[in-house]
Amino acid sequence: MALSLPTAFVAFVCALVFSRLLSRTRPRYPLPPGPKRLPIVGNLRDLNKVDKPLWLAYADWAKTYGDVFYLEVLGAPMVILNSAKAIDDIFEKRSANYSDRPPMYMVNELMGWAWDFAHMRYTDRWRLHRKTFHQYFQPRQVPEFYPVQRDSATSFLTKLLDDPEDFIDHVRHHAGSIILKVVYGYQMQIKNDHYVNLADQAVRGLSESIAHGSFLVDFAPILSYIPSWFPGATFKKKAELWAHDSKEIVEGPWVDLKKSYDNGTSVPCFATYSLDKFKNTEHMEQVIKNCSGVAFVAGADTTVSTISSAILALLLHPKVQDKVQEELDRVVGRSRLPDFEDREILPYLEAVLTESLRWNPVLPLSLPHRSMNDDVYDGYFIPRGSTVVGNAWSILHDPESYPDPFAFTPERFLPADGKELPPDPSLYAFGFGRRICPGRYLALNSAWIAIAALMATYRLTKPIDKRTGKGIEPVVDYSEGIVCHPAPFKCCFTPRSPEALNLIRAGYN
């Protein structure tokens, strides 16, 4: 993390800091503990020294300062929450005060993502977007997506047979084909689909910039006015480049959808359902377009992360594979593929998916929240306007809740006599409170059907090093960003049997 400050703007920034400090309520309670702050810049130097993912740095600081600690940059307060109790108390029980978002100048203003309601302030505009989205993606609607998810899983199995080396591309195709079909009724190209590639490219820029503190402009918005040629203004050049992807994500698929809708050739999907429901309501068309873009970009990326982590975990733990496949053979048999109706009677498979969410969470840091009013928590003062960040990674690696947290152990989620199950990771892996991801049910089902079909038909093994004759160990490493993906790794996919090969070719057809 490198937050440089253009020299010519130091005076403006100093004035901003002093105005923030003067306008702040004089607290009767102390601020939460945290690293020592320097005059004016606060903890800017501490953040500049971070040489690891922020969620790991925050977890380290929590060991010194406690589960709730305080940072400040240029007078802008930040509160980091590192425990399930603090997150439940703040984001759930006090959601009326903590459901806002900070302004996010880099992402919303400079990169053009203000249309994404995940980033919107806590207003009636946000509520309208959330309601419009939730009505179609709520749990009772989920079974309507099963046929699309089965078709995509069929394609996924076939692609692994024909081209196993590009398995991550096939995972991306699986996730993208589902969300594009559900949202726009769009049938993806077999390979190198423009919209899937666009989503991947757009999310890369978003991931680099959305974590609060990634760019100094989020603390000092006056920096957004400096020209891109100004020394130290590389963030402006990046923003200009990434803004093109943001616009294309929301506009590109929508233009195609509207053409088919207006000429009567569209197929049922979220966009057409919503357009029919709000016919001739001009302002609602923009809301529907925004919600469609959110579903597309978020749904594809989170599903890819979940499936990729599960594949990596299964590759590293052949005994877990054995147990999953024994359960599938015993409960479902070998004459058909597992289906959604089998999900409740496949507890070990479910535990594998659940443990994958915990082991390497999709969103290790939730999107930042903002306190709308002064508050006191656990004897500490939280100023109005504080950016409040929940560290999901820290919660899901808490040894008290999840003993031996760095081990991949699905058994921890299986019921046993006298054993209390640990908290469900999905409560923390998709955000918190009123801002929790409303598309998580679709994403988890898309991941489940892919992993279930994969385990029913393939054996995952490490590729063999021709020089040593030993298996090549994958490196367990993850990308930095709002959505966390495994670093590239290699995996061999071998059909389990002649019967499994027949199932791969037949799929869910």
Protein backbone atom coordinates (compact mmCIF):
# COMPACT_ATOMS: atom_id res chain seq x y z
CA MET A 1 0.00 0.00 0.00
CA ALA A 2 1.48 3.35 -1.05
CA LEU A 3 -0.37 6.56 -0.21
CA SER A 4 1.75 9.44 -1.48
CA LEU A 5 0.72 13.06 -1.00
CA PRO A 6 1.44 15.59 -3.79
CA THR A 7 3.48 18.37 -2.22
CA ALA A 8 1.49 21.21 -3.74
CA PHE A 9 -1.62 20.07 -1.94
CA VAL A 10 -0.16 19.80 1.55
CA ALA A 11 -1.63 23.14 2.58
CA PHE A 12 -5.08 22.17 1.36
CA VAL A 13 -4.87 18.84 3.15
CA CYS A 14 -3.75 20.50 6.40
CA ALA A 15 -6.73 22.82 6.21
CA LEU A 16 -9.00 19.83 5.63
CA VAL A 17 -7.58 18.01 8.65
CA PHE A 18 -7.98 21.00 10.94
CA SER A 19 -11.55 21.59 9.79
CA ARG A 20 -12.39 17.95 10.52
CA LEU A 21 -10.85 18.09 13.97
CA LEU A 22 -12.54 21.38 14.86
CA SER A 23 -15.97 20.15 13.73
CA ARG A 24 -15.73 16.92 15.71
CA THR A 25 -17.72 16.53 18.91
CA ARG A 26 -15.56 16.60 22.02
CA PRO A 27 -16.00 13.06 23.33
CA ARG A 28 -16.78 12.13 26.92
CA TYR A 29 -15.33 8.67 26.26
CA PRO A 30 -11.92 7.69 24.86
CA LEU A 31 -11.41 6.63 21.28
CA PRO A 32 -10.69 2.92 20.76
CA PRO A 33 -7.01 1.97 21.14
CA GLY A 34 -4.78 1.81 18.09
CA PRO A 35 -1.34 2.55 16.68
CA LYS A 36 0.09 5.89 17.77
CA ARG A 37 -1.01 8.72 15.50
CA LEU A 38 1.26 11.46 14.19
CA PRO A 39 0.09 15.08 13.92
CA ILE A 40 -1.84 15.87 10.71
CA VAL A 41 -1.15 12.59 8.87
CA GLY A 42 -2.35 10.29 11.68
CA ASN A 43 -1.63 6.66 10.78
CA LEU A 44 -0.71 7.33 7.16
CA ARG A 45 2.83 6.02 7.69
CA ASP A 46 1.54 2.86 9.40
CA LEU A 47 -0.67 2.07 6.41
CA ASN A 48 2.16 2.83 4.00
CA LYS A 49 4.30 0.22 5.75
CA VAL A 50 1.75 -2.57 5.29
CA ASP A 51 3.36 -5.25 3.11
CA LYS A 52 0.62 -7.88 3.30
CA PRO A 53 -3.12 -8.03 2.60
CA LEU A 54 -4.98 -5.53 4.77
CA TRP A 55 -7.07 -8.23 6.48
CA LEU A 56 -3.87 -9.88 7.74
CA ALA A 57 -2.43 -6.55 8.87
CA TYR A 58 -5.65 -5.72 10.73
CA ALA A 59 -5.66 -9.16 12.36
CA ASP A 60 -2.07 -8.56 13.54
CA TRP A 61 -2.95 -5.14 14.96
CA ALA A 62 -5.93 -6.68 16.76
CA LYS A 63 -3.53 -8.90 18.73
CA THR A 64 -1.97 -5.74 20.17
CA TYR A 65 -4.89 -3.31 20.40
CA GLY A 66 -7.93 -5.57 20.74
CA ASP A 67 -10.83 -6.62 18.54
CA VAL A 68 -11.97 -3.01 18.06
CA PHE A 69 -9.21 -0.57 17.22
CA TYR A 70 -8.88 2.91 15.76
CA LEU A 71 -6.94 4.42 12.88
CA GLU A 72 -6.94 7.96 11.55
CA VAL A 73 -5.64 9.39 8.29
CA LEU A 74 -5.66 13.14 7.65
CA GLY A 75 -8.29 13.58 10.34
CA ALA A 76 -10.59 10.91 8.85
CA PRO A 77 -11.48 8.30 11.52
CA MET A 78 -11.51 4.55 10.88
CA VAL A 79 -12.69 1.79 13.23
CA ILE A 80 -11.73 -1.83 12.47
CA LEU A 81 -13.83 -4.69 13.88
CA ASN A 82 -12.11 -8.06 14.23
CA SER A 83 -14.55 -10.22 16.19
CA ALA A 84 -17.97 -11.73 15.57
CA LYS A 85 -19.31 -10.11 18.74
CA ALA A 86 -18.26 -6.61 17.70
CA ILE A 87 -19.60 -7.07 14.18
CA ASP A 88 -22.93 -8.44 15.42
CA ASP A 89 -23.25 -5.64 17.98
CA ILE A 90 -22.37 -2.88 15.51
CA PHE A 91 -23.71 -3.98 12.12
CA GLU A 92 -26.70 -6.06 13.25
CA LYS A 93 -27.97 -4.61 16.53
CA ARG A 94 -27.11 -1.01 15.61
CA SER A 95 -27.74 -1.27 11.89
CA ALA A 96 -29.73 1.96 11.78
CA ASN A 97 -26.52 3.86 12.53
CA TYR A 98 -24.03 1.71 10.61
CA SER A 99 -25.66 0.86 7.28
CA ASP A 100 -24.27 3.87 5.43
CA ARG A 101 -21.22 3.80 3.15
CA PRO A 102 -18.36 6.31 3.10
CA PRO A 103 -18.28 8.47 -0.05
CA MET A 104 -15.70 6.25 -1.87
CA TYR A 105 -14.35 9.05 -4.06
CA MET A 106 -11.94 6.88 -6.04
CA VAL A 107 -14.47 4.20 -6.94
CA ASN A 108 -17.71 6.14 -7.24
CA GLU A 109 -16.63 9.57 -8.45
CA LEU A 110 -13.44 8.94 -10.44
CA MET A 111 -14.07 5.40 -11.70
CA GLY A 112 -17.80 5.82 -12.32
CA TRP A 113 -19.18 3.04 -10.12
CA ALA A 114 -21.81 5.24 -8.43
CA TRP A 115 -24.52 3.22 -10.21
CA ASP A 116 -23.60 0.12 -8.14
CA PHE A 117 -26.01 0.09 -5.19
CA ALA A 118 -23.49 -1.89 -3.12
CA HIS A 119 -21.55 1.40 -2.92
CA MET A 120 -24.50 3.77 -2.48
CA ARG A 121 -25.14 5.83 0.63
CA TYR A 122 -27.90 4.64 2.97
CA THR A 123 -30.76 6.56 1.38
CA ASP A 124 -34.17 6.00 -0.21
CA ARG A 125 -32.37 5.57 -3.53
CA TRP A 126 -30.39 2.66 -2.08
CA ARG A 127 -33.54 1.14 -0.54
CA LEU A 128 -35.32 1.23 -3.91
CA HIS A 129 -32.42 -0.52 -5.62
CA ARG A 130 -32.12 -3.13 -2.86
CA LYS A 131 -35.86 -3.86 -2.90
CA THR A 132 -35.92 -4.19 -6.70
CA PHE A 133 -32.99 -6.61 -6.59
CA HIS A 134 -34.21 -8.64 -3.61
CA GLN A 135 -37.68 -9.29 -5.05
CA TYR A 136 -36.15 -11.43 -7.79
CA PHE A 137 -33.21 -13.00 -5.96
CA GLN A 138 -34.82 -13.87 -2.62
CA PRO A 139 -34.58 -17.50 -1.39
CA ARG A 140 -38.05 -18.57 -2.55
CA GLN A 141 -37.12 -17.53 -6.09
CA VAL A 142 -33.99 -19.70 -6.13
CA PRO A 143 -35.58 -22.91 -7.57
CA GLU A 144 -36.48 -21.03 -10.76
CA PHE A 145 -32.75 -20.78 -11.52
CA TYR A 146 -32.10 -24.52 -11.22
CA PRO A 147 -32.47 -25.34 -14.96
CA VAL A 148 -29.92 -22.65 -15.90
CA GLN A 149 -27.50 -23.87 -13.23
CA ARG A 150 -27.86 -27.50 -14.34
CA ASP A 151 -27.17 -26.58 -17.97
CA SER A 152 -24.09 -24.64 -16.96
CA ALA A 153 -22.81 -27.51 -14.78
CA THR A 154 -23.22 -29.85 -17.76
CA SER A 155 -21.08 -27.54 -19.88
CA PHE A 156 -18.54 -27.27 -17.05
CA LEU A 157 -18.03 -31.06 -16.90
CA THR A 158 -17.62 -31.33 -20.68
CA LYS A 159 -15.11 -28.49 -20.84
CA LEU A 160 -12.98 -30.16 -18.15
CA LEU A 161 -12.90 -33.31 -20.28
CA ASP A 162 -11.93 -31.49 -23.47
CA ASP A 163 -9.55 -28.89 -22.03
CA PRO A 164 -8.62 -29.61 -18.38
CA GLU A 165 -5.66 -27.21 -18.21
CA ASP A 166 -7.91 -24.14 -18.54
CA PHE A 167 -10.13 -25.19 -15.65
CA ILE A 168 -10.24 -21.72 -14.07
CA ASP A 169 -11.57 -20.34 -17.35
CA HIS A 170 -14.24 -23.04 -17.23
CA VAL A 171 -15.13 -22.04 -13.68
CA ARG A 172 -15.42 -18.45 -14.85
CA HIS A 173 -17.58 -19.55 -17.79
CA HIS A 174 -19.84 -21.54 -15.44
CA ALA A 175 -20.40 -18.57 -13.14
CA GLY A 176 -20.72 -16.04 -15.94
CA SER A 177 -23.12 -18.09 -18.05
CA ILE A 178 -25.51 -18.50 -15.11
CA ILE A 179 -25.61 -14.87 -14.11
CA LEU A 180 -25.85 -13.58 -17.68
CA LYS A 181 -28.73 -15.94 -18.44
CA VAL A 182 -30.58 -15.19 -15.20
CA VAL A 183 -30.13 -11.42 -15.42
CA TYR A 184 -30.23 -10.66 -19.14
CA GLY A 185 -31.39 -13.89 -20.79
CA TYR A 186 -28.05 -13.79 -22.61
CA GLN A 187 -26.59 -17.01 -24.02
CA MET A 188 -22.82 -16.96 -23.65
CA GLN A 189 -20.33 -17.79 -26.36
CA ILE A 190 -18.66 -21.18 -25.92
CA LYS A 191 -15.24 -19.58 -25.50
CA ASN A 192 -13.81 -16.07 -25.03
CA ASP A 193 -17.15 -14.44 -24.37
CA HIS A 194 -16.83 -10.65 -24.48
CA TYR A 195 -18.93 -10.00 -21.38
CA VAL A 196 -17.19 -12.59 -19.22
CA ASN A 197 -13.82 -11.12 -20.14
CA LEU A 198 -15.15 -7.62 -19.52
CA ALA A 199 -16.42 -8.57 -16.04
CA ASP A 200 -13.05 -10.09 -15.15
CA GLN A 201 -11.23 -6.96 -16.30
CA ALA A 202 -13.60 -4.56 -14.55
CA VAL A 203 -13.44 -6.41 -11.24
CA ARG A 204 -9.64 -6.27 -11.25
CA GLY A 205 -9.68 -2.48 -11.16
CA LEU A 206 -12.51 -2.43 -8.64
CA SER A 207 -10.72 -4.89 -6.36
CA GLU A 208 -7.55 -2.81 -6.35
CA SER A 209 -9.36 0.38 -5.39
CA ILE A 210 -12.38 -0.39 -3.24
CA ALA A 211 -10.72 -1.31 0.06
CA HIS A 212 -10.89 1.89 2.10
CA GLY A 213 -7.44 3.46 2.20
CA SER A 214 -6.15 2.00 -1.06
CA PHE A 215 -5.92 5.51 -2.46
CA LEU A 216 -5.33 8.76 -0.59
CA VAL A 217 -8.14 10.53 -2.43
CA ASP A 218 -10.63 8.64 -0.23
CA PHE A 219 -9.22 10.51 2.77
CA ALA A 220 -8.58 13.82 0.98
CA PRO A 221 -11.24 14.23 -1.74
CA ILE A 222 -9.74 17.57 -2.79
CA LEU A 223 -7.09 15.49 -4.57
CA SER A 224 -9.73 14.44 -7.12
CA TYR A 225 -9.43 17.90 -8.70
CA ILE A 226 -5.77 17.63 -9.62
CA PRO A 227 -5.05 16.82 -13.29
CA SER A 228 -3.80 13.37 -14.26
CA TRP A 229 -0.49 14.82 -15.54
CA PHE A 230 0.35 16.27 -12.13
CA PRO A 231 3.31 14.58 -10.35
CA GLY A 232 2.03 11.89 -7.98
CA ALA A 233 -1.41 11.73 -9.63
CA THR A 234 -1.08 8.21 -11.04
CA PHE A 235 -4.38 7.38 -9.32
CA LYS A 236 -6.12 9.72 -11.80
CA LYS A 237 -4.63 7.86 -14.76
CA LYS A 238 -5.74 4.55 -13.29
CA ALA A 239 -9.21 5.89 -12.62
CA GLU A 240 -9.60 7.12 -16.20
CA LEU A 241 -8.62 3.70 -17.53
CA TRP A 242 -10.89 1.77 -15.15
CA ALA A 243 -13.86 4.10 -15.70
CA HIS A 244 -14.24 2.75 -19.23
CA ASP A 245 -14.81 -0.78 -17.87
CA SER A 246 -17.33 0.46 -15.32
CA LYS A 247 -19.42 2.13 -18.01
CA GLU A 248 -19.24 -0.84 -20.34
CA ILE A 249 -20.30 -3.29 -17.60
CA VAL A 250 -23.60 -1.51 -16.96
CA GLU A 251 -24.29 -0.26 -20.49
CA GLY A 252 -23.08 -3.07 -22.79
CA PRO A 253 -25.35 -5.99 -21.83
CA TRP A 254 -28.24 -3.57 -21.23
CA VAL A 255 -28.16 -2.25 -24.80
CA ASP A 256 -28.47 -5.79 -26.15
CA LEU A 257 -31.23 -6.61 -23.67
CA LYS A 258 -33.26 -3.52 -24.56
CA LYS A 259 -33.04 -4.25 -28.28
CA SER A 260 -34.44 -7.74 -27.81
CA TYR A 261 -37.05 -6.51 -25.31
CA ASP A 262 -38.31 -3.75 -27.61
CA ASN A 263 -38.59 -6.04 -30.64
CA GLY A 264 -40.25 -8.83 -28.66
CA THR A 265 -37.48 -11.44 -28.87
CA SER A 266 -36.22 -11.31 -25.28
CA VAL A 267 -36.44 -14.33 -22.98
CA PRO A 268 -37.66 -14.32 -19.35
CA CYS A 269 -35.00 -13.02 -16.95
CA PHE A 270 -34.54 -10.48 -14.16
CA ALA A 271 -34.38 -7.52 -16.56
CA THR A 272 -37.50 -8.42 -18.56
CA TYR A 273 -39.45 -9.37 -15.42
CA SER A 274 -38.64 -6.01 -13.86
CA LEU A 275 -39.30 -4.01 -17.03
CA ASP A 276 -42.72 -5.67 -17.35
CA LYS A 277 -43.49 -4.95 -13.70
CA PHE A 278 -42.59 -1.26 -13.95
CA LYS A 279 -43.73 -0.58 -17.51
CA ASN A 280 -43.63 3.07 -18.59
CA THR A 281 -41.85 4.13 -15.39
CA GLU A 282 -38.83 6.00 -16.71
CA HIS A 283 -36.87 6.35 -13.48
CA MET A 284 -37.33 2.63 -12.74
CA GLU A 285 -35.62 1.66 -15.98
CA GLN A 286 -32.41 3.20 -14.68
CA VAL A 287 -32.83 1.35 -11.38
CA ILE A 288 -33.35 -1.96 -13.20
CA LYS A 289 -30.31 -1.33 -15.39
CA ASN A 290 -28.20 -0.59 -12.32
CA CYS A 291 -29.41 -3.69 -10.47
CA SER A 292 -28.70 -5.84 -13.53
CA GLY A 293 -25.14 -4.55 -13.68
CA VAL A 294 -24.62 -5.22 -9.96
CA ALA A 295 -25.91 -8.79 -10.26
CA PHE A 296 -23.68 -9.44 -13.27
CA VAL A 297 -20.40 -8.16 -11.90
CA ALA A 298 -20.84 -9.41 -8.33
CA GLY A 299 -22.46 -12.77 -9.04
CA ALA A 300 -19.82 -13.92 -11.49
CA ASP A 301 -16.81 -13.01 -9.37
CA THR A 302 -17.92 -14.35 -5.98
CA THR A 303 -18.92 -17.70 -7.47
CA VAL A 304 -15.56 -18.08 -9.23
CA SER A 305 -13.76 -17.46 -5.93
CA THR A 306 -15.84 -20.01 -4.01
CA ILE A 307 -15.48 -22.80 -6.60
CA SER A 308 -11.76 -22.16 -7.11
CA SER A 309 -11.09 -22.33 -3.36
CA ALA A 310 -13.06 -25.58 -3.08
CA ILE A 311 -11.10 -27.15 -5.95
CA LEU A 312 -7.81 -26.11 -4.35
CA ALA A 313 -8.85 -27.53 -0.98
CA LEU A 314 -10.00 -30.84 -2.50
CA LEU A 315 -6.76 -31.13 -4.47
CA LEU A 316 -4.72 -30.63 -1.30
CA HIS A 317 -6.80 -33.08 0.74
CA PRO A 318 -7.39 -36.38 -1.12
CA LYS A 319 -8.96 -37.94 2.00
CA VAL A 320 -11.65 -35.26 1.91
CA GLN A 321 -12.26 -36.20 -1.73
CA ASP A 322 -12.59 -39.84 -0.67
CA LYS A 323 -15.25 -38.95 1.92
CA VAL A 324 -17.23 -36.74 -0.46
CA GLN A 325 -17.23 -39.37 -3.18
CA GLU A 326 -18.14 -42.16 -0.75
CA GLU A 327 -21.14 -40.10 0.38
CA LEU A 328 -22.19 -39.35 -3.20
CA ASP A 329 -21.91 -43.01 -4.24
CA ARG A 330 -23.86 -44.16 -1.18
CA VAL A 331 -26.65 -41.57 -1.29
CA VAL A 332 -27.01 -40.71 -4.98
CA GLY A 333 -25.43 -43.72 -6.65
CA ARG A 334 -23.34 -43.77 -9.81
CA SER A 335 -26.12 -43.82 -12.39
CA ARG A 336 -27.00 -40.10 -12.22
CA LEU A 337 -25.54 -36.75 -11.19
CA PRO A 338 -26.36 -35.20 -7.80
CA ASP A 339 -29.11 -32.58 -8.01
CA PHE A 340 -30.44 -29.79 -5.83
CA GLU A 341 -33.06 -32.13 -4.36
CA ASP A 342 -30.20 -34.19 -2.89
CA ARG A 343 -28.54 -31.30 -1.12
CA GLU A 344 -30.10 -31.86 2.32
CA ILE A 345 -29.07 -35.52 2.36
CA LEU A 346 -25.41 -34.83 1.46
CA PRO A 347 -24.13 -33.29 4.69
CA TYR A 348 -20.43 -33.95 4.09
CA LEU A 349 -20.51 -32.29 0.67
CA GLU A 350 -22.30 -29.35 2.28
CA ALA A 351 -19.63 -29.19 4.97
CA VAL A 352 -16.92 -29.05 2.29
CA LEU A 353 -18.56 -26.04 0.65
CA THR A 354 -19.07 -24.38 4.04
CA GLU A 355 -15.46 -24.98 5.07
CA SER A 356 -14.29 -23.56 1.72
CA LEU A 357 -16.11 -20.31 2.54
CA ARG A 358 -14.40 -20.19 5.93
CA TRP A 359 -10.92 -21.36 4.92
CA ASN A 360 -10.46 -18.60 2.36
CA PRO A 361 -13.46 -16.24 2.49
CA VAL A 362 -14.76 -14.61 -0.67
CA LEU A 363 -14.79 -11.12 0.92
CA PRO A 364 -12.03 -11.15 3.57
CA LEU A 365 -12.79 -7.49 4.26
CA SER A 366 -16.37 -6.36 3.83
CA LEU A 367 -17.14 -3.18 1.98
CA PRO A 368 -16.67 -0.29 4.43
CA HIS A 369 -19.61 1.00 6.47
CA ARG A 370 -19.99 4.51 7.91
CA SER A 371 -21.35 5.71 11.24
CA MET A 372 -24.14 8.23 10.71
CA ASN A 373 -24.05 9.59 14.28
CA ASP A 374 -21.69 9.66 17.25
CA ASP A 375 -21.83 6.42 19.20
CA VAL A 376 -20.30 4.71 22.21
CA TYR A 377 -19.41 1.02 22.06
CA ASP A 378 -17.84 -0.99 24.86
CA GLY A 379 -16.80 2.24 26.58
CA TYR A 380 -15.18 3.71 23.46
CA PHE A 381 -16.28 6.69 21.39
CA ILE A 382 -16.96 6.18 17.67
CA PRO A 383 -17.21 9.58 15.96
CA ARG A 384 -19.88 10.42 13.45
CA GLY A 385 -18.60 9.84 9.91
CA SER A 386 -16.17 7.09 10.91
CA THR A 387 -15.41 4.48 8.30
CA VAL A 388 -16.12 1.14 10.00
CA VAL A 389 -14.62 -2.02 8.48
CA GLY A 390 -15.47 -5.59 9.41
CA ASN A 391 -12.62 -8.08 9.09
CA ALA A 392 -14.37 -11.29 8.00
CA TRP A 393 -11.05 -13.12 7.60
CA SER A 394 -10.23 -12.50 11.27
CA ILE A 395 -13.61 -13.80 12.42
CA LEU A 396 -13.42 -16.93 10.26
CA HIS A 397 -9.93 -17.73 11.56
CA ASP A 398 -10.73 -17.22 15.23
CA PRO A 399 -9.35 -20.33 17.01
CA GLU A 400 -12.03 -20.09 19.70
CA SER A 401 -14.81 -20.52 17.17
CA TYR A 402 -12.86 -22.63 14.68
CA PRO A 403 -10.07 -24.67 16.36
CA ASP A 404 -6.96 -25.12 14.20
CA PRO A 405 -8.33 -22.41 11.87
CA PHE A 406 -5.73 -22.78 9.11
CA ALA A 407 -6.55 -26.46 8.59
CA PHE A 408 -9.20 -27.44 6.05
CA THR A 409 -11.55 -29.52 8.22
CA PRO A 410 -15.12 -29.99 6.90
CA GLU A 411 -15.90 -32.23 9.90
CA ARG A 412 -16.13 -29.14 12.11
CA PHE A 413 -19.53 -28.43 10.50
CA LEU A 414 -20.99 -31.92 10.98
CA PRO A 415 -23.34 -32.42 13.95
CA ALA A 416 -22.23 -34.80 16.71
CA ASP A 417 -23.53 -35.68 20.17
CA GLY A 418 -22.65 -33.00 22.69
CA LYS A 419 -21.00 -30.81 20.06
CA GLU A 420 -22.04 -27.24 19.36
CA LEU A 421 -21.59 -26.32 15.73
CA PRO A 422 -19.45 -23.25 14.98
CA PRO A 423 -21.04 -20.16 13.38
CA ASP A 424 -22.07 -20.52 9.74
CA PRO A 425 -19.37 -18.74 7.64
CA SER A 426 -22.00 -17.44 5.20
CA LEU A 427 -23.09 -15.07 7.98
CA TYR A 428 -19.77 -13.25 7.60
CA ALA A 429 -18.44 -14.14 4.14
CA PHE A 430 -20.85 -11.90 2.18
CA GLY A 431 -20.90 -8.67 4.16
CA PHE A 432 -22.88 -7.65 7.23
CA GLY A 433 -26.18 -6.32 8.47
CA ARG A 434 -28.50 -4.56 6.05
CA ARG A 435 -25.66 -4.40 3.50
CA ILE A 436 -25.15 -8.16 3.27
CA CYS A 437 -24.99 -9.39 -0.35
CA PRO A 438 -28.57 -10.15 -1.49
CA GLY A 439 -27.35 -12.42 -4.31
CA ARG A 440 -25.58 -14.89 -2.04
CA TYR A 441 -28.25 -17.61 -2.42
CA LEU A 442 -27.78 -17.74 -6.19
CA ALA A 443 -23.99 -17.66 -5.85
CA LEU A 444 -23.87 -20.49 -3.31
CA ASN A 445 -26.21 -22.68 -5.36
CA SER A 446 -24.11 -22.13 -8.48
CA ALA A 447 -21.03 -23.19 -6.51
CA TRP A 448 -22.78 -26.21 -4.98
CA ILE A 449 -23.96 -27.72 -8.27
CA ALA A 450 -20.50 -27.31 -9.82
CA ILE A 451 -18.68 -28.98 -6.91
CA ALA A 452 -21.30 -31.74 -6.56
CA ALA A 453 -21.15 -32.64 -10.26
CA LEU A 454 -17.35 -32.41 -10.26
CA MET A 455 -16.95 -34.77 -7.29
CA ALA A 456 -19.44 -37.26 -8.74
CA THR A 457 -17.46 -37.63 -11.95
CA TYR A 458 -13.78 -36.60 -11.57
CA ARG A 459 -10.79 -37.37 -9.42
CA LEU A 460 -8.59 -34.34 -8.68
CA THR A 461 -4.84 -35.02 -8.50
CA LYS A 462 -1.62 -33.05 -8.48
CA PRO A 463 0.27 -32.97 -11.79
CA ILE A 464 3.49 -34.97 -11.81
CA ASP A 465 6.87 -33.27 -12.12
CA LYS A 466 8.58 -35.13 -14.96
CA ARG A 467 12.01 -34.49 -13.47
CA THR A 468 11.35 -35.78 -9.93
CA GLY A 469 8.36 -38.03 -10.55
CA LYS A 470 6.56 -36.41 -7.60
CA GLY A 471 3.34 -34.43 -7.47
CA ILE A 472 3.64 -30.67 -7.88
CA GLU A 473 2.43 -29.03 -4.69
CA PRO A 474 0.18 -26.01 -5.32
CA VAL A 475 1.11 -22.85 -3.46
CA VAL A 476 -1.71 -21.69 -1.23
CA ASP A 477 -1.71 -17.98 -1.91
CA TYR A 478 -4.49 -15.50 -2.57
CA SER A 479 -4.88 -12.30 -4.53
CA GLU A 480 -5.37 -9.02 -2.74
CA GLY A 481 -8.64 -7.26 -3.45
CA ILE A 482 -12.22 -6.99 -2.31
CA VAL A 483 -12.93 -10.47 -3.75
CA CYS A 484 -10.17 -12.94 -2.95
CA HIS A 485 -9.08 -15.57 -5.52
CA PRO A 486 -6.51 -18.36 -5.23
CA ALA A 487 -3.22 -17.76 -7.00
CA PRO A 488 -2.96 -19.80 -10.24
CA PHE A 489 -2.36 -23.51 -9.63
CA LYS A 490 -2.37 -26.69 -11.69
CA CYS A 491 -4.73 -29.62 -11.26
CA CYS A 492 -5.39 -32.86 -13.15
CA PHE A 493 -9.00 -33.96 -13.72
CA THR A 494 -9.49 -37.66 -14.43
CA PRO A 495 -12.90 -39.32 -14.90
CA ARG A 496 -13.49 -41.69 -11.98
CA SER A 497 -14.78 -44.58 -14.06
CA PRO A 498 -16.38 -45.49 -17.41
CA GLU A 499 -19.77 -44.81 -15.78
CA ALA A 500 -18.56 -41.37 -14.69
CA LEU A 501 -17.38 -40.66 -18.24
CA ASN A 502 -20.87 -41.42 -19.50
CA LEU A 503 -22.33 -39.05 -16.89
CA ILE A 504 -19.92 -36.30 -17.99
CA ARG A 505 -21.09 -36.65 -21.60
CA ALA A 506 -24.77 -36.84 -20.68
CA GLY A 507 -24.73 -34.14 -18.01
CA TYR A 508 -28.13 -33.07 -16.66
CA ASN A 509 -29.81 -33.46 -20.05
